[in-house]
Every structure is written in C-alpha cells, then in structure tokens.
Amino acid sequence: MITLYRKDNDAKADQIEERFKELVLSYKVVEINDADETHIREGEKVLQSEEEINEWLFELQQELKRQRSITADACYIDPVTGEVC
C-alpha cells in the first residue's frame, strides 16, 4: 500500500497527490504534524527527498504504462469462426 504522510497546507504534498490521481493510484493519506517531513511509504521503502520521490514517481509511471499496455482490454476477430469477441 502506498501511503502519503503529509501536512495540511503543503504544496509539495499537493503536487504528489495530483500525480497519484493522474496515475490513477490507490493510496492512503496520513496527516502529520509540522515537525515531520512529507514523505511516501511503500511497504518498507520510505521516500523523503524531492529527488527520491520524483525518481520513484517516474519509474512507477513507466511500470504502470507497461502493465496497462499488456493488460489492455482488446477485442479481436476469431480467425476460425469470424466471430468478434
């Protein structure tokens, strides 16, 4: 599960959430206090720096594109019967 730990009024966290929505991800949001930094947790992995988060989001986007292209719902014509699925 992807979890975004964020402060209430945090532009960085807003941008991350926007990317999650663009990627159509399932994620959880946990509000944190001002002493904590905005970060993402995915299983055991914790991402805090902007560079780490951006790299992770880019890799995730590429992986989702690949998965979605392979599992796309497609229709075909059966060559034996000529029936459309």
PDB file of N, CA and C in Angstrom:
ATOM      1  N   MET A   1       0.848  -1.176   0.000  1.00  0.00           N
ATOM      2  CA  MET A   1       0.000   0.000   0.000  1.00  0.00           C
ATOM      3  C   MET A   1       0.888   1.232   0.000  1.00  0.00           C
ATOM      4  N   ILE A   2       0.553   2.175  -0.827  1.00  0.00           N
ATOM      5  CA  ILE A   2       1.263   3.449  -0.887  1.00  0.00           C
ATOM      6  C   ILE A   2       0.592   4.400   0.094  1.00  0.00           C
ATOM      7  N   THR A   3       1.401   5.006   0.957  1.00  0.00           N
ATOM      8  CA  THR A   3       0.878   5.945   1.944  1.00  0.00           C
ATOM      9  C   THR A   3       1.640   7.254   1.825  1.00  0.00           C
ATOM     10  N   LEU A   4       0.895   8.340   1.724  1.00  0.00           N
ATOM     11  CA  LEU A   4       1.476   9.680   1.701  1.00  0.00           C
ATOM     12  C   LEU A   4       1.287  10.301   3.074  1.00  0.00           C
ATOM     13  N   TYR A   5       2.394  10.626   3.714  1.00  0.00           N
ATOM     14  CA  TYR A   5       2.367  11.306   5.005  1.00  0.00           C
ATOM     15  C   TYR A   5       2.562  12.785   4.712  1.00  0.00           C
ATOM     16  N   ARG A   6       1.549  13.583   5.055  1.00  0.00           N
ATOM     17  CA  ARG A   6       1.563  14.983   4.638  1.00  0.00           C
ATOM     18  C   ARG A   6       1.028  15.917   5.701  1.00  0.00           C
ATOM     19  N   LYS A   7       1.470  17.180   5.578  1.00  0.00           N
ATOM     20  CA  LYS A   7       0.934  18.260   6.407  1.00  0.00           C
ATOM     21  C   LYS A   7      -0.300  18.814   5.713  1.00  0.00           C
ATOM     22  N   ASP A   8      -1.087  19.571   6.456  1.00  0.00           N
ATOM     23  CA  ASP A   8      -2.349  20.096   5.929  1.00  0.00           C
ATOM     24  C   ASP A   8      -2.146  21.041   4.743  1.00  0.00           C
ATOM     25  N   ASN A   9      -1.366  22.067   4.887  1.00  0.00           N
ATOM     26  CA  ASN A   9      -1.145  23.044   3.816  1.00  0.00           C
ATOM     27  C   ASN A   9       0.275  22.904   3.293  1.00  0.00           C
ATOM     28  N   ASP A  10       0.487  21.929   2.412  1.00  0.00           N
ATOM     29  CA  ASP A  10       1.820  21.614   1.913  1.00  0.00           C
ATOM     30  C   ASP A  10       1.767  21.477   0.398  1.00  0.00           C
ATOM     31  N   ALA A  11       2.367  22.441  -0.289  1.00  0.00           N
ATOM     32  CA  ALA A  11       2.348  22.451  -1.752  1.00  0.00           C
ATOM     33  C   ALA A  11       3.020  21.212  -2.335  1.00  0.00           C
ATOM     34  N   LYS A  12       4.113  20.759  -1.717  1.00  0.00           N
ATOM     35  CA  LYS A  12       4.820  19.559  -2.189  1.00  0.00           C
ATOM     36  C   LYS A  12       3.889  18.347  -2.124  1.00  0.00           C
ATOM     37  N   ALA A  13       3.189  18.198  -1.016  1.00  0.00           N
ATOM     38  CA  ALA A  13       2.259  17.073  -0.856  1.00  0.00           C
ATOM     39  C   ALA A  13       1.090  17.191  -1.832  1.00  0.00           C
ATOM     40  N   ASP A  14       0.626  18.411  -2.086  1.00  0.00           N
ATOM     41  CA  ASP A  14      -0.449  18.616  -3.063  1.00  0.00           C
ATOM     42  C   ASP A  14      -0.020  18.130  -4.443  1.00  0.00           C
ATOM     43  N   GLN A  15       1.222  18.439  -4.824  1.00  0.00           N
ATOM     44  CA  GLN A  15       1.746  18.014  -6.120  1.00  0.00           C
ATOM     45  C   GLN A  15       1.854  16.496  -6.202  1.00  0.00           C
ATOM     46  N   ILE A  16       2.303  15.880  -5.118  1.00  0.00           N
ATOM     47  CA  ILE A  16       2.416  14.424  -5.093  1.00  0.00           C
ATOM     48  C   ILE A  16       1.040  13.787  -5.235  1.00  0.00           C
ATOM     49  N   GLU A  17       0.065  14.297  -4.499  1.00  0.00           N
ATOM     50  CA  GLU A  17      -1.296  13.754  -4.612  1.00  0.00           C
ATOM     51  C   GLU A  17      -1.858  13.927  -6.012  1.00  0.00           C
ATOM     52  N   GLU A  18      -1.560  15.041  -6.635  1.00  0.00           N
ATOM     53  CA  GLU A  18      -2.020  15.277  -8.006  1.00  0.00           C
ATOM     54  C   GLU A  18      -1.428  14.233  -8.950  1.00  0.00           C
ATOM     55  N   ARG A  19      -0.148  13.915  -8.782  1.00  0.00           N
ATOM     56  CA  ARG A  19       0.493  12.878  -9.602  1.00  0.00           C
ATOM     57  C   ARG A  19      -0.156  11.523  -9.353  1.00  0.00           C
ATOM     58  N   PHE A  20      -0.460  11.212  -8.096  1.00  0.00           N
ATOM     59  CA  PHE A  20      -1.135   9.953  -7.771  1.00  0.00           C
ATOM     60  C   PHE A  20      -2.470   9.873  -8.506  1.00  0.00           C
ATOM     61  N   LYS A  21      -3.204  10.957  -8.504  1.00  0.00           N
ATOM     62  CA  LYS A  21      -4.509  10.974  -9.174  1.00  0.00           C
ATOM     63  C   LYS A  21      -4.352  10.816 -10.682  1.00  0.00           C
ATOM     64  N   GLU A  22      -3.338  11.468 -11.266  1.00  0.00           N
ATOM     65  CA  GLU A  22      -3.082  11.333 -12.700  1.00  0.00           C
ATOM     66  C   GLU A  22      -2.742   9.889 -13.068  1.00  0.00           C
ATOM     67  N   LEU A  23      -2.025   9.210 -12.171  1.00  0.00           N
ATOM     68  CA  LEU A  23      -1.629   7.823 -12.417  1.00  0.00           C
ATOM     69  C   LEU A  23      -2.731   6.824 -12.044  1.00  0.00           C
ATOM     70  N   VAL A  24      -3.829   7.329 -11.500  1.00  0.00           N
ATOM     71  CA  VAL A  24      -4.964   6.518 -11.067  1.00  0.00           C
ATOM     72  C   VAL A  24      -4.476   5.450 -10.079  1.00  0.00           C
ATOM     73  N   LEU A  25      -3.835   5.911  -9.012  1.00  0.00           N
ATOM     74  CA  LEU A  25      -3.301   5.030  -7.977  1.00  0.00           C
ATOM     75  C   LEU A  25      -4.249   4.929  -6.794  1.00  0.00           C
ATOM     76  N   SER A  26      -4.186   3.822  -6.146  1.00  0.00           N
ATOM     77  CA  SER A  26      -4.847   3.665  -4.859  1.00  0.00           C
ATOM     78  C   SER A  26      -3.803   4.001  -3.802  1.00  0.00           C
ATOM     79  N   TYR A  27      -4.147   4.897  -2.904  1.00  0.00           N
ATOM     80  CA  TYR A  27      -3.195   5.308  -1.880  1.00  0.00           C
ATOM     81  C   TYR A  27      -3.944   5.782  -0.648  1.00  0.00           C
ATOM     82  N   LYS A  28      -3.200   5.899   0.430  1.00  0.00           N
ATOM     83  CA  LYS A  28      -3.764   6.342   1.698  1.00  0.00           C
ATOM     84  C   LYS A  28      -3.028   7.619   2.107  1.00  0.00           C
ATOM     85  N   VAL A  29      -3.735   8.534   2.766  1.00  0.00           N
ATOM     86  CA  VAL A  29      -3.130   9.777   3.250  1.00  0.00           C
ATOM     87  C   VAL A  29      -3.179   9.789   4.771  1.00  0.00           C
ATOM     88  N   VAL A  30      -2.052  10.135   5.371  1.00  0.00           N
ATOM     89  CA  VAL A  30      -1.960  10.269   6.817  1.00  0.00           C
ATOM     90  C   VAL A  30      -1.500  11.689   7.118  1.00  0.00           C
ATOM     91  N   GLU A  31      -2.288  12.411   7.897  1.00  0.00           N
ATOM     92  CA  GLU A  31      -1.912  13.772   8.293  1.00  0.00           C
ATOM     93  C   GLU A  31      -0.819  13.707   9.355  1.00  0.00           C
ATOM     94  N   ILE A  32       0.216  14.517   9.178  1.00  0.00           N
ATOM     95  CA  ILE A  32       1.319  14.562  10.137  1.00  0.00           C
ATOM     96  C   ILE A  32       1.438  15.960  10.709  1.00  0.00           C
ATOM     97  N   ASN A  33       2.201  16.094  11.783  1.00  0.00           N
ATOM     98  CA  ASN A  33       2.355  17.409  12.400  1.00  0.00           C
ATOM     99  C   ASN A  33       3.485  18.199  11.730  1.00  0.00           C
ATOM    100  N   ASP A  34       3.636  19.439  12.122  1.00  0.00           N
ATOM    101  CA  ASP A  34       4.612  20.330  11.480  1.00  0.00           C
ATOM    102  C   ASP A  34       6.060  19.899  11.656  1.00  0.00           C
ATOM    103  N   ALA A  35       6.349  19.097  12.670  1.00  0.00           N
ATOM    104  CA  ALA A  35       7.725  18.668  12.919  1.00  0.00           C
ATOM    105  C   ALA A  35       8.172  17.595  11.921  1.00  0.00           C
ATOM    106  N   ASP A  36       7.234  16.866  11.348  1.00  0.00           N
ATOM    107  CA  ASP A  36       7.567  15.789  10.417  1.00  0.00           C
ATOM    108  C   ASP A  36       7.650  16.302   8.988  1.00  0.00           C
ATOM    109  N   GLU A  37       8.411  15.582   8.176  1.00  0.00           N
ATOM    110  CA  GLU A  37       8.546  15.915   6.759  1.00  0.00           C
ATOM    111  C   GLU A  37       7.548  15.108   5.941  1.00  0.00           C
ATOM    112  N   THR A  38       7.055  15.705   4.870  1.00  0.00           N
ATOM    113  CA  THR A  38       6.215  14.981   3.930  1.00  0.00           C
ATOM    114  C   THR A  38       7.040  13.843   3.350  1.00  0.00           C
ATOM    115  N   HIS A  39       6.448  12.649   3.310  1.00  0.00           N
ATOM    116  CA  HIS A  39       7.149  11.518   2.723  1.00  0.00           C
ATOM    117  C   HIS A  39       6.152  10.474   2.249  1.00  0.00           C
ATOM    118  N   ILE A  40       6.677   9.527   1.481  1.00  0.00           N
ATOM    119  CA  ILE A  40       5.878   8.423   0.948  1.00  0.00           C
ATOM    120  C   ILE A  40       6.444   7.142   1.521  1.00  0.00           C
ATOM    121  N   ARG A  41       5.541   6.248   1.876  1.00  0.00           N
ATOM    122  CA  ARG A  41       5.958   4.920   2.327  1.00  0.00           C
ATOM    123  C   ARG A  41       5.260   3.898   1.435  1.00  0.00           C
ATOM    124  N   GLU A  42       6.066   2.990   0.899  1.00  0.00           N
ATOM    125  CA  GLU A  42       5.528   1.874   0.118  1.00  0.00           C
ATOM    126  C   GLU A  42       6.156   0.610   0.694  1.00  0.00           C
ATOM    127  N   GLY A  43       5.392  -0.110   1.486  1.00  0.00           N
ATOM    128  CA  GLY A  43       5.942  -1.266   2.186  1.00  0.00           C
ATOM    129  C   GLY A  43       7.039  -0.814   3.139  1.00  0.00           C
ATOM    130  N   GLU A  44       8.222  -1.359   2.973  1.00  0.00           N
ATOM    131  CA  GLU A  44       9.362  -1.000   3.817  1.00  0.00           C
ATOM    132  C   GLU A  44      10.092   0.245   3.304  1.00  0.00           C
ATOM    133  N   LYS A  45       9.841   0.630   2.063  1.00  0.00           N
ATOM    134  CA  LYS A  45      10.545   1.745   1.430  1.00  0.00           C
ATOM    135  C   LYS A  45       9.960   3.083   1.883  1.00  0.00           C
ATOM    136  N   VAL A  46      10.852   4.015   2.273  1.00  0.00           N
ATOM    137  CA  VAL A  46      10.443   5.364   2.659  1.00  0.00           C
ATOM    138  C   VAL A  46      11.163   6.351   1.750  1.00  0.00           C
ATOM    139  N   LEU A  47      10.395   7.234   1.118  1.00  0.00           N
ATOM    140  CA  LEU A  47      10.949   8.233   0.206  1.00  0.00           C
ATOM    141  C   LEU A  47      10.697   9.613   0.787  1.00  0.00           C
ATOM    142  N   GLN A  48      11.774  10.400   0.965  1.00  0.00           N
ATOM    143  CA  GLN A  48      11.604  11.720   1.570  1.00  0.00           C
ATOM    144  C   GLN A  48      12.078  12.862   0.693  1.00  0.00           C
ATOM    145  N   SER A  49      13.231  12.724   0.083  1.00  0.00           N
ATOM    146  CA  SER A  49      13.761  13.854  -0.685  1.00  0.00           C
ATOM    147  C   SER A  49      12.971  14.025  -1.972  1.00  0.00           C
ATOM    148  N   GLU A  50      12.958  15.234  -2.460  1.00  0.00           N
ATOM    149  CA  GLU A  50      12.235  15.529  -3.697  1.00  0.00           C
ATOM    150  C   GLU A  50      12.790  14.700  -4.847  1.00  0.00           C
ATOM    151  N   GLU A  51      14.107  14.536  -4.875  1.00  0.00           N
ATOM    152  CA  GLU A  51      14.745  13.744  -5.928  1.00  0.00           C
ATOM    153  C   GLU A  51      14.309  12.282  -5.868  1.00  0.00           C
ATOM    154  N   GLU A  52      14.307  11.697  -4.671  1.00  0.00           N
ATOM    155  CA  GLU A  52      13.862  10.307  -4.493  1.00  0.00           C
ATOM    156  C   GLU A  52      12.413  10.124  -4.935  1.00  0.00           C
ATOM    157  N   ILE A  53      11.572  11.050  -4.515  1.00  0.00           N
ATOM    158  CA  ILE A  53      10.139  10.957  -4.832  1.00  0.00           C
ATOM    159  C   ILE A  53       9.912  11.096  -6.326  1.00  0.00           C
ATOM    160  N   ASN A  54      10.571  12.070  -6.962  1.00  0.00           N
ATOM    161  CA  ASN A  54      10.393  12.267  -8.404  1.00  0.00           C
ATOM    162  C   ASN A  54      10.885  11.067  -9.206  1.00  0.00           C
ATOM    163  N   GLU A  55      12.016  10.504  -8.803  1.00  0.00           N
ATOM    164  CA  GLU A  55      12.546   9.320  -9.493  1.00  0.00           C
ATOM    165  C   GLU A  55      11.597   8.137  -9.324  1.00  0.00           C
ATOM    166  N   TRP A  56      11.099   7.941  -8.106  1.00  0.00           N
ATOM    167  CA  TRP A  56      10.173   6.851  -7.835  1.00  0.00           C
ATOM    168  C   TRP A  56       8.884   7.015  -8.637  1.00  0.00           C
ATOM    169  N   LEU A  57       8.357   8.247  -8.686  1.00  0.00           N
ATOM    170  CA  LEU A  57       7.128   8.503  -9.449  1.00  0.00           C
ATOM    171  C   LEU A  57       7.339   8.248 -10.942  1.00  0.00           C
ATOM    172  N   PHE A  58       8.498   8.636 -11.466  1.00  0.00           N
ATOM    173  CA  PHE A  58       8.792   8.402 -12.883  1.00  0.00           C
ATOM    174  C   PHE A  58       8.852   6.902 -13.165  1.00  0.00           C
ATOM    175  N   GLU A  59       9.575   6.160 -12.330  1.00  0.00           N
ATOM    176  CA  GLU A  59       9.675   4.711 -12.514  1.00  0.00           C
ATOM    177  C   GLU A  59       8.309   4.045 -12.381  1.00  0.00           C
ATOM    178  N   LEU A  60       7.517   4.501 -11.433  1.00  0.00           N
ATOM    179  CA  LEU A  60       6.172   3.962 -11.247  1.00  0.00           C
ATOM    180  C   LEU A  60       5.310   4.236 -12.476  1.00  0.00           C
ATOM    181  N   GLN A  61       5.399   5.447 -13.005  1.00  0.00           N
ATOM    182  CA  GLN A  61       4.635   5.806 -14.200  1.00  0.00           C
ATOM    183  C   GLN A  61       5.013   4.903 -15.374  1.00  0.00           C
ATOM    184  N   GLN A  62       6.304   4.653 -15.564  1.00  0.00           N
ATOM    185  CA  GLN A  62       6.753   3.792 -16.656  1.00  0.00           C
ATOM    186  C   GLN A  62       6.251   2.358 -16.475  1.00  0.00           C
ATOM    187  N   GLU A  63       6.322   1.852 -15.251  1.00  0.00           N
ATOM    188  CA  GLU A  63       5.859   0.499 -14.968  1.00  0.00           C
ATOM    189  C   GLU A  63       4.346   0.376 -15.193  1.00  0.00           C
ATOM    190  N   LEU A  64       3.588   1.376 -14.764  1.00  0.00           N
ATOM    191  CA  LEU A  64       2.142   1.346 -14.977  1.00  0.00           C
ATOM    192  C   LEU A  64       1.790   1.389 -16.458  1.00  0.00           C
ATOM    193  N   LYS A  65       2.510   2.195 -17.223  1.00  0.00           N
ATOM    194  CA  LYS A  65       2.277   2.243 -18.681  1.00  0.00           C
ATOM    195  C   LYS A  65       2.493   0.871 -19.296  1.00  0.00           C
ATOM    196  N   ARG A  66       3.583   0.228 -18.906  1.00  0.00           N
ATOM    197  CA  ARG A  66       3.908  -1.088 -19.444  1.00  0.00           C
ATOM    198  C   ARG A  66       2.832  -2.103 -19.051  1.00  0.00           C
ATOM    199  N   GLN A  67       2.474  -2.134 -17.777  1.00  0.00           N
ATOM    200  CA  GLN A  67       1.453  -3.082 -17.316  1.00  0.00           C
ATOM    201  C   GLN A  67       0.114  -2.845 -18.002  1.00  0.00           C
ATOM    202  N   ARG A  68      -0.257  -1.599 -18.114  1.00  0.00           N
ATOM    203  CA  ARG A  68      -1.566  -1.281 -18.692  1.00  0.00           C
ATOM    204  C   ARG A  68      -1.602  -1.570 -20.185  1.00  0.00           C
ATOM    205  N   SER A  69      -0.476  -1.468 -20.859  1.00  0.00           N
ATOM    206  CA  SER A  69      -0.457  -1.786 -22.286  1.00  0.00           C
ATOM    207  C   SER A  69      -0.589  -3.286 -22.511  1.00  0.00           C
ATOM    208  N   ILE A  70      -0.036  -4.075 -21.593  1.00  0.00           N
ATOM    209  CA  ILE A  70      -0.105  -5.529 -21.703  1.00  0.00           C
ATOM    210  C   ILE A  70      -1.484  -6.045 -21.333  1.00  0.00           C
ATOM    211  N   THR A  71      -2.105  -5.456 -20.334  1.00  0.00           N
ATOM    212  CA  THR A  71      -3.381  -5.947 -19.838  1.00  0.00           C
ATOM    213  C   THR A  71      -4.573  -5.184 -20.388  1.00  0.00           C
ATOM    214  N   ALA A  72      -4.356  -4.423 -21.446  1.00  0.00           N
ATOM    215  CA  ALA A  72      -5.456  -3.637 -22.013  1.00  0.00           C
ATOM    216  C   ALA A  72      -6.573  -4.558 -22.493  1.00  0.00           C
ATOM    217  N   ASP A  73      -7.783  -4.109 -22.333  1.00  0.00           N
ATOM    218  CA  ASP A  73      -8.935  -4.858 -22.805  1.00  0.00           C
ATOM    219  C   ASP A  73      -9.037  -4.636 -24.313  1.00  0.00           C
ATOM    220  N   ALA A  74      -8.875  -5.689 -25.058  1.00  0.00           N
ATOM    221  CA  ALA A  74      -8.888  -5.559 -26.513  1.00  0.00           C
ATOM    222  C   ALA A  74      -9.887  -6.548 -27.103  1.00  0.00           C
ATOM    223  N   CYS A  75     -10.379  -6.214 -28.245  1.00  0.00           N
ATOM    224  CA  CYS A  75     -11.306  -7.072 -28.948  1.00  0.00           C
ATOM    225  C   CYS A  75     -10.588  -7.633 -30.175  1.00  0.00           C
ATOM    226  N   TYR A  76     -10.964  -8.825 -30.577  1.00  0.00           N
ATOM    227  CA  TYR A  76     -10.327  -9.438 -31.728  1.00  0.00           C
ATOM    228  C   TYR A  76     -11.367 -10.230 -32.508  1.00  0.00           C
ATOM    229  N   ILE A  77     -10.984 -10.627 -33.693  1.00  0.00           N
ATOM    230  CA  ILE A  77     -11.842 -11.465 -34.513  1.00  0.00           C
ATOM    231  C   ILE A  77     -11.233 -12.875 -34.490  1.00  0.00           C
ATOM    232  N   ASP A  78     -12.057 -13.838 -34.118  1.00  0.00           N
ATOM    233  CA  ASP A  78     -11.601 -15.226 -34.099  1.00  0.00           C
ATOM    234  C   ASP A  78     -11.353 -15.655 -35.547  1.00  0.00           C
ATOM    235  N   PRO A  79     -10.107 -16.050 -35.873  1.00  0.00           N
ATOM    236  CA  PRO A  79      -9.806 -16.389 -37.264  1.00  0.00           C
ATOM    237  C   PRO A  79     -10.529 -17.641 -37.783  1.00  0.00           C
ATOM    238  N   VAL A  80     -10.947 -18.504 -36.885  1.00  0.00           N
ATOM    239  CA  VAL A  80     -11.631 -19.737 -37.287  1.00  0.00           C
ATOM    240  C   VAL A  80     -13.102 -19.479 -37.546  1.00  0.00           C
ATOM    241  N   THR A  81     -13.767 -18.804 -36.602  1.00  0.00           N
ATOM    242  CA  THR A  81     -15.223 -18.626 -36.715  1.00  0.00           C
ATOM    243  C   THR A  81     -15.611 -17.282 -37.316  1.00  0.00           C
ATOM    244  N   GLY A  82     -14.696 -16.302 -37.260  1.00  0.00           N
ATOM    245  CA  GLY A  82     -15.031 -14.972 -37.750  1.00  0.00           C
ATOM    246  C   GLY A  82     -15.830 -14.153 -36.758  1.00  0.00           C
ATOM    247  N   GLU A  83     -16.058 -14.717 -35.576  1.00  0.00           N
ATOM    248  CA  GLU A  83     -16.813 -14.008 -34.536  1.00  0.00           C
ATOM    249  C   GLU A  83     -15.958 -12.961 -33.847  1.00  0.00           C
ATOM    250  N   VAL A  84     -16.627 -11.862 -33.529  1.00  0.00           N
ATOM    251  CA  VAL A  84     -15.956 -10.790 -32.782  1.00  0.00           C
ATOM    252  C   VAL A  84     -16.178 -11.057 -31.303  1.00  0.00           C
ATOM    253  N   CYS A  85     -15.153 -10.856 -30.514  1.00  0.00           N
ATOM    254  CA  CYS A  85     -15.279 -11.134 -29.085  1.00  0.00           C
ATOM    255  C   CYS A  85     -16.274 -10.217 -28.417  1.00  0.00           C
TER     256      CYS A  85
END
